[in-house]
All heavy atoms as atom14 arrays in JSON, in Angstrom:
{
  "sequence": "LDTLPDDKIVVMCTGSQGEPMSALARMATGDHKSLTITASDTVIISA",
  "atom14_mask": [
    [1, 1, 1, 1, 1, 1, 1, 1, 0, 0, 0, 0, 0, 0],
    [1, 1, 1, 1, 1, 1, 1, 1, 0, 0, 0, 0, 0, 0],
    [1, 1, 1, 1, 1, 1, 1, 0, 0, 0, 0, 0, 0, 0],
    [1, 1, 1, 1, 1, 1, 1, 1, 0, 0, 0, 0, 0, 0],
    [1, 1, 1, 1, 1, 1, 1, 0, 0, 0, 0, 0, 0, 0],
    [1, 1, 1, 1, 1, 1, 1, 1, 0, 0, 0, 0, 0, 0],
    [1, 1, 1, 1, 1, 1, 1, 1, 0, 0, 0, 0, 0, 0],
    [1, 1, 1, 1, 1, 1, 1, 1, 1, 0, 0, 0, 0, 0],
    [1, 1, 1, 1, 1, 1, 1, 1, 0, 0, 0, 0, 0, 0],
    [1, 1, 1, 1, 1, 1, 1, 0, 0, 0, 0, 0, 0, 0],
    [1, 1, 1, 1, 1, 1, 1, 0, 0, 0, 0, 0, 0, 0],
    [1, 1, 1, 1, 1, 1, 1, 1, 0, 0, 0, 0, 0, 0],
    [1, 1, 1, 1, 1, 1, 0, 0, 0, 0, 0, 0, 0, 0],
    [1, 1, 1, 1, 1, 1, 1, 0, 0, 0, 0, 0, 0, 0],
    [1, 1, 1, 1, 0, 0, 0, 0, 0, 0, 0, 0, 0, 0],
    [1, 1, 1, 1, 1, 1, 0, 0, 0, 0, 0, 0, 0, 0],
    [1, 1, 1, 1, 1, 1, 1, 1, 1, 0, 0, 0, 0, 0],
    [1, 1, 1, 1, 0, 0, 0, 0, 0, 0, 0, 0, 0, 0],
    [1, 1, 1, 1, 1, 1, 1, 1, 1, 0, 0, 0, 0, 0],
    [1, 1, 1, 1, 1, 1, 1, 0, 0, 0, 0, 0, 0, 0],
    [1, 1, 1, 1, 1, 1, 1, 1, 0, 0, 0, 0, 0, 0],
    [1, 1, 1, 1, 1, 1, 0, 0, 0, 0, 0, 0, 0, 0],
    [1, 1, 1, 1, 1, 0, 0, 0, 0, 0, 0, 0, 0, 0],
    [1, 1, 1, 1, 1, 1, 1, 1, 0, 0, 0, 0, 0, 0],
    [1, 1, 1, 1, 1, 0, 0, 0, 0, 0, 0, 0, 0, 0],
    [1, 1, 1, 1, 1, 1, 1, 1, 1, 1, 1, 0, 0, 0],
    [1, 1, 1, 1, 1, 1, 1, 1, 0, 0, 0, 0, 0, 0],
    [1, 1, 1, 1, 1, 0, 0, 0, 0, 0, 0, 0, 0, 0],
    [1, 1, 1, 1, 1, 1, 1, 0, 0, 0, 0, 0, 0, 0],
    [1, 1, 1, 1, 0, 0, 0, 0, 0, 0, 0, 0, 0, 0],
    [1, 1, 1, 1, 1, 1, 1, 1, 0, 0, 0, 0, 0, 0],
    [1, 1, 1, 1, 1, 1, 1, 1, 1, 1, 0, 0, 0, 0],
    [1, 1, 1, 1, 1, 1, 1, 1, 1, 0, 0, 0, 0, 0],
    [1, 1, 1, 1, 1, 1, 0, 0, 0, 0, 0, 0, 0, 0],
    [1, 1, 1, 1, 1, 1, 1, 1, 0, 0, 0, 0, 0, 0],
    [1, 1, 1, 1, 1, 1, 1, 0, 0, 0, 0, 0, 0, 0],
    [1, 1, 1, 1, 1, 1, 1, 1, 0, 0, 0, 0, 0, 0],
    [1, 1, 1, 1, 1, 1, 1, 0, 0, 0, 0, 0, 0, 0],
    [1, 1, 1, 1, 1, 0, 0, 0, 0, 0, 0, 0, 0, 0],
    [1, 1, 1, 1, 1, 1, 0, 0, 0, 0, 0, 0, 0, 0],
    [1, 1, 1, 1, 1, 1, 1, 1, 0, 0, 0, 0, 0, 0],
    [1, 1, 1, 1, 1, 1, 1, 0, 0, 0, 0, 0, 0, 0],
    [1, 1, 1, 1, 1, 1, 1, 0, 0, 0, 0, 0, 0, 0],
    [1, 1, 1, 1, 1, 1, 1, 1, 0, 0, 0, 0, 0, 0],
    [1, 1, 1, 1, 1, 1, 1, 1, 0, 0, 0, 0, 0, 0],
    [1, 1, 1, 1, 1, 1, 0, 0, 0, 0, 0, 0, 0, 0],
    [1, 1, 1, 1, 1, 0, 0, 0, 0, 0, 0, 0, 0, 0]
  ],
  "atom14_positions": [
    [[2.11, -10.73, -18.12], [3.42, -11.23, -17.7], [3.41, -12.73, -17.36], [4.41, -13.43, -17.53], [3.93, -10.45, -16.48], [4.49, -9.06, -16.77], [4.85, -8.35, -15.48], [5.72, -9.15, -17.66], [0.0, 0.0, 0.0], [0.0, 0.0, 0.0], [0.0, 0.0, 0.0], [0.0, 0.0, 0.0], [0.0, 0.0, 0.0], [0.0, 0.0, 0.0]],
    [[2.27, -13.2, -16.87], [2.2, -14.6, -16.45], [2.37, -15.57, -17.62], [2.61, -16.76, -17.41], [0.86, -14.88, -15.76], [0.74, -14.14, -14.43], [1.8, -13.74, -13.9], [-0.39, -13.95, -13.95], [0.0, 0.0, 0.0], [0.0, 0.0, 0.0], [0.0, 0.0, 0.0], [0.0, 0.0, 0.0], [0.0, 0.0, 0.0], [0.0, 0.0, 0.0]],
    [[2.25, -15.07, -18.83], [2.39, -15.94, -20.0], [3.85, -16.17, -20.38], [4.12, -16.98, -21.28], [1.64, -15.34, -21.21], [2.25, -14.08, -21.56], [0.17, -15.1, -20.87], [0.0, 0.0, 0.0], [0.0, 0.0, 0.0], [0.0, 0.0, 0.0], [0.0, 0.0, 0.0], [0.0, 0.0, 0.0], [0.0, 0.0, 0.0], [0.0, 0.0, 0.0]],
    [[4.78, -15.45, -19.74], [6.2, -15.56, -20.07], [7.01, -15.99, -18.86], [6.69, -15.61, -17.72], [6.73, -14.22, -20.58], [6.27, -13.72, -21.95], [6.82, -12.33, -22.19], [6.73, -14.67, -23.05], [0.0, 0.0, 0.0], [0.0, 0.0, 0.0], [0.0, 0.0, 0.0], [0.0, 0.0, 0.0], [0.0, 0.0, 0.0], [0.0, 0.0, 0.0]],
    [[8.1, -16.75, -19.06], [9.02, -17.04, -17.95], [9.74, -15.77, -17.51], [9.92, -14.84, -18.29], [9.98, -18.07, -18.55], [9.89, -17.89, -20.02], [8.52, -17.42, -20.32], [0.0, 0.0, 0.0], [0.0, 0.0, 0.0], [0.0, 0.0, 0.0], [0.0, 0.0, 0.0], [0.0, 0.0, 0.0], [0.0, 0.0, 0.0], [0.0, 0.0, 0.0]],
    [[10.18, -15.75, -16.25], [10.81, -14.55, -15.69], [12.05, -14.12, -16.46], [12.35, -12.91, -16.56], [11.18, -14.78, -14.21], [9.96, -14.79, -13.32], [8.86, -14.5, -13.82], [10.1, -15.08, -12.12], [0.0, 0.0, 0.0], [0.0, 0.0, 0.0], [0.0, 0.0, 0.0], [0.0, 0.0, 0.0], [0.0, 0.0, 0.0], [0.0, 0.0, 0.0]],
    [[12.81, -15.07, -17.01], [14.05, -14.71, -17.68], [13.83, -14.2, -19.1], [14.78, -14.04, -19.87], [15.03, -15.89, -17.69], [14.5, -17.1, -18.43], [13.33, -17.05, -18.88], [15.24, -18.08, -18.59], [0.0, 0.0, 0.0], [0.0, 0.0, 0.0], [0.0, 0.0, 0.0], [0.0, 0.0, 0.0], [0.0, 0.0, 0.0], [0.0, 0.0, 0.0]],
    [[12.57, -13.9, -19.44], [12.24, -13.34, -20.75], [11.57, -11.97, -20.62], [10.92, -11.5, -21.55], [11.3, -14.29, -21.52], [11.9, -15.65, -21.84], [13.12, -15.51, -22.76], [13.73, -16.87, -23.08], [14.95, -16.74, -23.93], [0.0, 0.0, 0.0], [0.0, 0.0, 0.0], [0.0, 0.0, 0.0], [0.0, 0.0, 0.0], [0.0, 0.0, 0.0]],
    [[11.77, -11.31, -19.46], [11.03, -10.08, -19.18], [11.97, -8.96, -18.75], [12.87, -9.17, -17.93], [9.98, -10.31, -18.07], [8.93, -11.33, -18.53], [9.31, -9.0, -17.66], [8.05, -11.83, -17.41], [0.0, 0.0, 0.0], [0.0, 0.0, 0.0], [0.0, 0.0, 0.0], [0.0, 0.0, 0.0], [0.0, 0.0, 0.0], [0.0, 0.0, 0.0]],
    [[11.76, -7.75, -19.29], [12.38, -6.52, -18.8], [11.25, -5.51, -18.56], [10.41, -5.3, -19.44], [13.39, -5.93, -19.81], [13.85, -4.55, -19.34], [14.59, -6.84, -19.96], [0.0, 0.0, 0.0], [0.0, 0.0, 0.0], [0.0, 0.0, 0.0], [0.0, 0.0, 0.0], [0.0, 0.0, 0.0], [0.0, 0.0, 0.0], [0.0, 0.0, 0.0]],
    [[11.23, -4.94, -17.37], [10.19, -3.98, -17.0], [10.8, -2.59, -16.93], [11.72, -2.34, -16.15], [9.55, -4.34, -15.63], [8.47, -3.31, -15.27], [8.95, -5.74, -15.68], [0.0, 0.0, 0.0], [0.0, 0.0, 0.0], [0.0, 0.0, 0.0], [0.0, 0.0, 0.0], [0.0, 0.0, 0.0], [0.0, 0.0, 0.0], [0.0, 0.0, 0.0]],
    [[10.3, -1.66, -17.75], [10.69, -0.25, -17.68], [9.7, 0.47, -16.77], [8.5, 0.37, -16.96], [10.65, 0.4, -19.06], [11.81, 0.09, -19.96], [13.4, 0.71, -19.38], [13.03, 2.39, -18.92], [0.0, 0.0, 0.0], [0.0, 0.0, 0.0], [0.0, 0.0, 0.0], [0.0, 0.0, 0.0], [0.0, 0.0, 0.0], [0.0, 0.0, 0.0]],
    [[10.22, 1.18, -15.76], [9.3, 1.81, -14.8], [9.83, 3.16, -14.33], [11.0, 3.5, -14.52], [9.08, 0.89, -13.6], [10.57, 0.53, -12.65], [0.0, 0.0, 0.0], [0.0, 0.0, 0.0], [0.0, 0.0, 0.0], [0.0, 0.0, 0.0], [0.0, 0.0, 0.0], [0.0, 0.0, 0.0], [0.0, 0.0, 0.0], [0.0, 0.0, 0.0]],
    [[8.96, 3.91, -13.7], [9.33, 5.17, -13.04], [9.82, 4.86, -11.63], [9.64, 3.77, -11.13], [8.13, 6.11, -12.98], [7.03, 5.43, -12.34], [7.7, 6.54, -14.37], [0.0, 0.0, 0.0], [0.0, 0.0, 0.0], [0.0, 0.0, 0.0], [0.0, 0.0, 0.0], [0.0, 0.0, 0.0], [0.0, 0.0, 0.0], [0.0, 0.0, 0.0]],
    [[10.43, 5.86, -11.0], [10.85, 5.69, -9.6], [12.32, 5.87, -9.37], [12.83, 5.6, -8.29], [0.0, 0.0, 0.0], [0.0, 0.0, 0.0], [0.0, 0.0, 0.0], [0.0, 0.0, 0.0], [0.0, 0.0, 0.0], [0.0, 0.0, 0.0], [0.0, 0.0, 0.0], [0.0, 0.0, 0.0], [0.0, 0.0, 0.0], [0.0, 0.0, 0.0]],
    [[13.05, 6.39, -10.37], [14.5, 6.55, -10.23], [14.89, 7.62, -9.21], [16.03, 7.68, -8.79], [15.12, 6.89, -11.59], [14.64, 8.14, -12.06], [0.0, 0.0, 0.0], [0.0, 0.0, 0.0], [0.0, 0.0, 0.0], [0.0, 0.0, 0.0], [0.0, 0.0, 0.0], [0.0, 0.0, 0.0], [0.0, 0.0, 0.0], [0.0, 0.0, 0.0]],
    [[13.91, 8.46, -8.81], [14.2, 9.51, -7.83], [13.62, 9.2, -6.45], [13.52, 10.08, -5.59], [13.65, 10.84, -8.33], [14.29, 11.31, -9.62], [15.79, 11.44, -9.48], [16.29, 12.16, -8.62], [16.54, 10.74, -10.33], [0.0, 0.0, 0.0], [0.0, 0.0, 0.0], [0.0, 0.0, 0.0], [0.0, 0.0, 0.0], [0.0, 0.0, 0.0]],
    [[13.22, 7.94, -6.24], [12.74, 7.54, -4.92], [11.36, 8.04, -4.58], [10.97, 8.07, -3.41], [0.0, 0.0, 0.0], [0.0, 0.0, 0.0], [0.0, 0.0, 0.0], [0.0, 0.0, 0.0], [0.0, 0.0, 0.0], [0.0, 0.0, 0.0], [0.0, 0.0, 0.0], [0.0, 0.0, 0.0], [0.0, 0.0, 0.0], [0.0, 0.0, 0.0]],
    [[10.57, 8.46, -5.59], [9.23, 8.96, -5.32], [8.4, 7.87, -4.65], [8.31, 6.75, -5.14], [8.54, 9.4, -6.62], [9.35, 10.39, -7.45], [10.18, 9.7, -8.52], [10.81, 8.65, -8.22], [10.2, 10.19, -9.65], [0.0, 0.0, 0.0], [0.0, 0.0, 0.0], [0.0, 0.0, 0.0], [0.0, 0.0, 0.0], [0.0, 0.0, 0.0]],
    [[7.75, 8.18, -3.51], [7.05, 7.14, -2.74], [5.89, 6.49, -3.49], [5.56, 5.34, -3.22], [6.56, 7.88, -1.49], [6.61, 9.33, -1.83], [7.72, 9.48, -2.82], [0.0, 0.0, 0.0], [0.0, 0.0, 0.0], [0.0, 0.0, 0.0], [0.0, 0.0, 0.0], [0.0, 0.0, 0.0], [0.0, 0.0, 0.0], [0.0, 0.0, 0.0]],
    [[5.26, 7.21, -4.42], [4.12, 6.65, -5.14], [4.49, 6.17, -6.54], [3.61, 5.83, -7.33], [2.99, 7.7, -5.24], [2.42, 8.12, -3.91], [1.85, 6.71, -2.92], [0.49, 6.14, -3.94], [0.0, 0.0, 0.0], [0.0, 0.0, 0.0], [0.0, 0.0, 0.0], [0.0, 0.0, 0.0], [0.0, 0.0, 0.0], [0.0, 0.0, 0.0]],
    [[5.78, 6.13, -6.84], [6.2, 5.67, -8.16], [6.04, 4.16, -8.28], [5.87, 3.44, -7.3], [7.66, 6.05, -8.4], [8.5, 5.34, -7.51], [0.0, 0.0, 0.0], [0.0, 0.0, 0.0], [0.0, 0.0, 0.0], [0.0, 0.0, 0.0], [0.0, 0.0, 0.0], [0.0, 0.0, 0.0], [0.0, 0.0, 0.0], [0.0, 0.0, 0.0]],
    [[6.12, 3.69, -9.54], [5.95, 2.26, -9.79], [7.0, 1.44, -9.05], [6.69, 0.41, -8.43], [6.02, 1.98, -11.3], [0.0, 0.0, 0.0], [0.0, 0.0, 0.0], [0.0, 0.0, 0.0], [0.0, 0.0, 0.0], [0.0, 0.0, 0.0], [0.0, 0.0, 0.0], [0.0, 0.0, 0.0], [0.0, 0.0, 0.0], [0.0, 0.0, 0.0]],
    [[8.27, 1.88, -9.07], [9.34, 1.11, -8.43], [9.11, 1.01, -6.91], [9.26, -0.07, -6.33], [10.69, 1.76, -8.71], [11.9, 1.03, -8.13], [12.06, -0.35, -8.75], [13.18, 1.84, -8.33], [0.0, 0.0, 0.0], [0.0, 0.0, 0.0], [0.0, 0.0, 0.0], [0.0, 0.0, 0.0], [0.0, 0.0, 0.0], [0.0, 0.0, 0.0]],
    [[8.77, 2.13, -6.27], [8.56, 2.1, -4.82], [7.38, 1.2, -4.46], [7.44, 0.45, -3.48], [8.32, 3.53, -4.31], [0.0, 0.0, 0.0], [0.0, 0.0, 0.0], [0.0, 0.0, 0.0], [0.0, 0.0, 0.0], [0.0, 0.0, 0.0], [0.0, 0.0, 0.0], [0.0, 0.0, 0.0], [0.0, 0.0, 0.0], [0.0, 0.0, 0.0]],
    [[6.31, 1.26, -5.24], [5.14, 0.43, -4.94], [5.42, -1.05, -5.2], [4.92, -1.92, -4.48], [3.93, 0.9, -5.75], [3.38, 2.24, -5.24], [2.1, 2.67, -5.94], [2.39, 3.17, -7.27], [1.92, 2.63, -8.39], [1.15, 1.56, -8.33], [2.22, 3.15, -9.56], [0.0, 0.0, 0.0], [0.0, 0.0, 0.0], [0.0, 0.0, 0.0]],
    [[6.25, -1.34, -6.2], [6.61, -2.75, -6.43], [7.51, -3.27, -5.32], [7.43, -4.43, -4.92], [7.3, -2.88, -7.79], [6.34, -2.74, -8.96], [7.09, -3.08, -10.57], [8.13, -1.64, -10.8], [0.0, 0.0, 0.0], [0.0, 0.0, 0.0], [0.0, 0.0, 0.0], [0.0, 0.0, 0.0], [0.0, 0.0, 0.0], [0.0, 0.0, 0.0]],
    [[8.37, -2.39, -4.79], [9.27, -2.8, -3.7], [8.52, -3.1, -2.42], [8.92, -3.96, -1.63], [10.31, -1.7, -3.45], [0.0, 0.0, 0.0], [0.0, 0.0, 0.0], [0.0, 0.0, 0.0], [0.0, 0.0, 0.0], [0.0, 0.0, 0.0], [0.0, 0.0, 0.0], [0.0, 0.0, 0.0], [0.0, 0.0, 0.0], [0.0, 0.0, 0.0]],
    [[7.41, -2.38, -2.2], [6.62, -2.58, -0.96], [5.45, -3.54, -1.17], [4.7, -3.81, -0.22], [6.08, -1.23, -0.46], [5.31, -0.61, -1.5], [7.21, -0.31, -0.06], [0.0, 0.0, 0.0], [0.0, 0.0, 0.0], [0.0, 0.0, 0.0], [0.0, 0.0, 0.0], [0.0, 0.0, 0.0], [0.0, 0.0, 0.0], [0.0, 0.0, 0.0]],
    [[5.26, -4.05, -2.39], [4.17, -4.98, -2.66], [2.83, -4.31, -2.88], [1.79, -4.96, -2.83], [0.0, 0.0, 0.0], [0.0, 0.0, 0.0], [0.0, 0.0, 0.0], [0.0, 0.0, 0.0], [0.0, 0.0, 0.0], [0.0, 0.0, 0.0], [0.0, 0.0, 0.0], [0.0, 0.0, 0.0], [0.0, 0.0, 0.0], [0.0, 0.0, 0.0]],
    [[2.83, -2.99, -3.14], [1.57, -2.25, -3.3], [1.19, -2.05, -4.76], [0.17, -1.41, -5.05], [1.68, -0.87, -2.63], [1.81, -1.0, -1.12], [1.29, -1.99, -0.58], [2.41, -0.1, -0.5], [0.0, 0.0, 0.0], [0.0, 0.0, 0.0], [0.0, 0.0, 0.0], [0.0, 0.0, 0.0], [0.0, 0.0, 0.0], [0.0, 0.0, 0.0]],
    [[2.0, -2.54, -5.69], [1.69, -2.35, -7.11], [0.56, -3.3, -7.51], [0.46, -4.42, -7.01], [2.92, -2.61, -7.96], [2.81, -2.15, -9.37], [2.25, -2.92, -10.35], [3.18, -0.97, -9.96], [2.29, -2.25, -11.5], [2.85, -1.07, -11.3], [0.0, 0.0, 0.0], [0.0, 0.0, 0.0], [0.0, 0.0, 0.0], [0.0, 0.0, 0.0]],
    [[-0.31, -2.83, -8.42], [-1.51, -3.61, -8.77], [-1.19, -4.9, -9.51], [-1.99, -5.85, -9.48], [-2.45, -2.75, -9.6], [-1.87, -2.23, -10.9], [-2.84, -1.3, -11.61], [-2.22, -0.73, -12.88], [-3.15, 0.21, -13.55], [0.0, 0.0, 0.0], [0.0, 0.0, 0.0], [0.0, 0.0, 0.0], [0.0, 0.0, 0.0], [0.0, 0.0, 0.0]],
    [[-0.04, -4.98, -10.19], [0.22, -6.18, -10.99], [1.63, -6.75, -10.85], [1.87, -7.86, -11.32], [-0.04, -5.89, -12.47], [0.77, -4.82, -12.92], [0.0, 0.0, 0.0], [0.0, 0.0, 0.0], [0.0, 0.0, 0.0], [0.0, 0.0, 0.0], [0.0, 0.0, 0.0], [0.0, 0.0, 0.0], [0.0, 0.0, 0.0], [0.0, 0.0, 0.0]],
    [[2.56, -6.01, -10.2], [3.94, -6.47, -10.14], [4.49, -6.35, -8.72], [4.21, -5.38, -8.02], [4.82, -5.64, -11.08], [4.59, -5.83, -12.58], [5.27, -4.72, -13.35], [5.12, -7.18, -13.03], [0.0, 0.0, 0.0], [0.0, 0.0, 0.0], [0.0, 0.0, 0.0], [0.0, 0.0, 0.0], [0.0, 0.0, 0.0], [0.0, 0.0, 0.0]],
    [[5.28, -7.34, -8.33], [5.99, -7.3, -7.05], [7.41, -7.79, -7.28], [7.63, -8.81, -7.95], [5.3, -8.19, -6.0], [3.96, -7.74, -5.81], [6.05, -8.12, -4.67], [0.0, 0.0, 0.0], [0.0, 0.0, 0.0], [0.0, 0.0, 0.0], [0.0, 0.0, 0.0], [0.0, 0.0, 0.0], [0.0, 0.0, 0.0], [0.0, 0.0, 0.0]],
    [[8.38, -7.09, -6.74], [9.78, -7.47, -6.9], [10.14, -8.54, -5.86], [9.84, -8.39, -4.67], [10.69, -6.25, -6.77], [10.42, -5.29, -7.93], [12.16, -6.65, -6.74], [11.15, -3.96, -7.83], [0.0, 0.0, 0.0], [0.0, 0.0, 0.0], [0.0, 0.0, 0.0], [0.0, 0.0, 0.0], [0.0, 0.0, 0.0], [0.0, 0.0, 0.0]],
    [[10.8, -9.6, -6.32], [11.18, -10.71, -5.44], [12.69, -10.92, -5.47], [13.42, -10.25, -6.2], [10.48, -12.01, -5.89], [10.95, -12.36, -7.21], [8.96, -11.82, -5.93], [0.0, 0.0, 0.0], [0.0, 0.0, 0.0], [0.0, 0.0, 0.0], [0.0, 0.0, 0.0], [0.0, 0.0, 0.0], [0.0, 0.0, 0.0], [0.0, 0.0, 0.0]],
    [[13.16, -11.89, -4.69], [14.6, -12.12, -4.53], [15.27, -12.56, -5.83], [16.48, -12.34, -6.01], [14.82, -13.19, -3.45], [0.0, 0.0, 0.0], [0.0, 0.0, 0.0], [0.0, 0.0, 0.0], [0.0, 0.0, 0.0], [0.0, 0.0, 0.0], [0.0, 0.0, 0.0], [0.0, 0.0, 0.0], [0.0, 0.0, 0.0], [0.0, 0.0, 0.0]],
    [[14.52, -13.15, -6.74], [15.13, -13.64, -7.99], [15.26, -12.55, -9.05], [15.81, -12.8, -10.13], [14.28, -14.79, -8.55], [12.97, -14.34, -8.85], [0.0, 0.0, 0.0], [0.0, 0.0, 0.0], [0.0, 0.0, 0.0], [0.0, 0.0, 0.0], [0.0, 0.0, 0.0], [0.0, 0.0, 0.0], [0.0, 0.0, 0.0], [0.0, 0.0, 0.0]],
    [[14.77, -11.34, -8.77], [14.76, -10.27, -9.76], [16.03, -9.42, -9.7], [16.79, -9.47, -8.73], [13.54, -9.37, -9.56], [12.22, -10.11, -9.8], [12.21, -10.99, -10.67], [11.24, -9.81, -9.1], [0.0, 0.0, 0.0], [0.0, 0.0, 0.0], [0.0, 0.0, 0.0], [0.0, 0.0, 0.0], [0.0, 0.0, 0.0], [0.0, 0.0, 0.0]],
    [[16.23, -8.63, -10.73], [17.34, -7.68, -10.8], [16.76, -6.29, -11.05], [15.88, -6.13, -11.9], [18.3, -8.04, -11.94], [18.89, -9.33, -11.67], [19.42, -7.0, -12.07], [0.0, 0.0, 0.0], [0.0, 0.0, 0.0], [0.0, 0.0, 0.0], [0.0, 0.0, 0.0], [0.0, 0.0, 0.0], [0.0, 0.0, 0.0], [0.0, 0.0, 0.0]],
    [[17.26, -5.29, -10.3], [16.78, -3.91, -10.45], [17.94, -3.02, -10.87], [19.01, -3.05, -10.25], [16.15, -3.39, -9.15], [15.73, -1.93, -9.31], [14.95, -4.24, -8.76], [0.0, 0.0, 0.0], [0.0, 0.0, 0.0], [0.0, 0.0, 0.0], [0.0, 0.0, 0.0], [0.0, 0.0, 0.0], [0.0, 0.0, 0.0], [0.0, 0.0, 0.0]],
    [[17.72, -2.22, -11.91], [18.72, -1.24, -12.37], [18.13, 0.15, -12.18], [17.08, 0.47, -12.73], [19.06, -1.44, -13.86], [19.6, -2.86, -14.11], [20.08, -0.41, -14.32], [19.76, -3.2, -15.59], [0.0, 0.0, 0.0], [0.0, 0.0, 0.0], [0.0, 0.0, 0.0], [0.0, 0.0, 0.0], [0.0, 0.0, 0.0], [0.0, 0.0, 0.0]],
    [[18.8, 0.97, -11.37], [18.37, 2.36, -11.2], [19.25, 3.2, -12.11], [20.41, 3.5, -11.8], [18.47, 2.8, -9.73], [17.55, 1.92, -8.88], [18.11, 4.28, -9.58], [17.59, 2.24, -7.4], [0.0, 0.0, 0.0], [0.0, 0.0, 0.0], [0.0, 0.0, 0.0], [0.0, 0.0, 0.0], [0.0, 0.0, 0.0], [0.0, 0.0, 0.0]],
    [[18.7, 3.56, -13.26], [19.48, 4.18, -14.33], [19.27, 5.69, -14.34], [18.7, 6.26, -15.28], [19.07, 3.57, -15.68], [19.91, 4.01, -16.71], [0.0, 0.0, 0.0], [0.0, 0.0, 0.0], [0.0, 0.0, 0.0], [0.0, 0.0, 0.0], [0.0, 0.0, 0.0], [0.0, 0.0, 0.0], [0.0, 0.0, 0.0], [0.0, 0.0, 0.0]],
    [[19.72, 6.34, -13.27], [19.58, 7.79, -13.15], [20.44, 8.26, -11.99], [20.85, 7.47, -11.13], [18.13, 8.2, -12.93], [0.0, 0.0, 0.0], [0.0, 0.0, 0.0], [0.0, 0.0, 0.0], [0.0, 0.0, 0.0], [0.0, 0.0, 0.0], [0.0, 0.0, 0.0], [0.0, 0.0, 0.0], [0.0, 0.0, 0.0], [0.0, 0.0, 0.0]]
  ]
}
């Protein structure tokens, strides 16, 4: 991801049901191994 600007990225992830160990929940809390959601990002919960 570091090779691309932020406005050129879409991330498909699990977590639409609020699962505590899902990718979305871990990114929201900063516990994901490679991704963290920040103020400049947009999140779509499509479920």
